[in-house]
Amino acid sequence: MILYALKPFKECGPIVAGISFSKVQKLFADHRVFNKGENHVTSLILDQSMHVYYNEHGICTGVEVMSPFLPGHNYQLVWNGINFLNESLDNIIKLLKKRGCIIEIIDTGANIPELGLSLYSDEYETDLHCNIDAVYVELSKSVVSRPTVR
């Protein structure tokens, strides 16, 4: 089991705020690059489980962590005892509300602005009892908009 620790606006597993594209490229042997509709390249690392986003200067602004989907891959994304990848969206929202977080429901899931998180589900329409497919973690408070995830 791999544990990706989450520290809002600071770190998401092996990726820390301010890390450069070249450093990510050197750290990860499986590093690939693609364009996800943004103006800047996106790194694909850790057996496709993470997408790393950069600004125009090649500095990391955020990470998207996908729910485990490859056979034999088992990892967690944990903040304050909450594993964002193995709970339904409604359970995560309940746990976050107990901790005093404000939740914004959006058409693809939920945003938690104070933590810099966006939770996405392909199954979500109106029922919050659905799986989380990806979690976007903002690593720069200067980010104006989050990537579109689908």
Foldseek 3Di string as FASTA:
>chain_A
DAEFEADFLAGTRPDGFFDFQVNVPVVAPPWDWDDPPDPDIWIQGDVRQKIFDADPVRTTFKMKGFQDDDPPDDYFYDDPRDTQQPAFLVVVVVVVVVVVFDWDQDQAGIDGVVRQKDWGDPPDHPDSRGGTGMMMGGNHPPDDDDDDDD
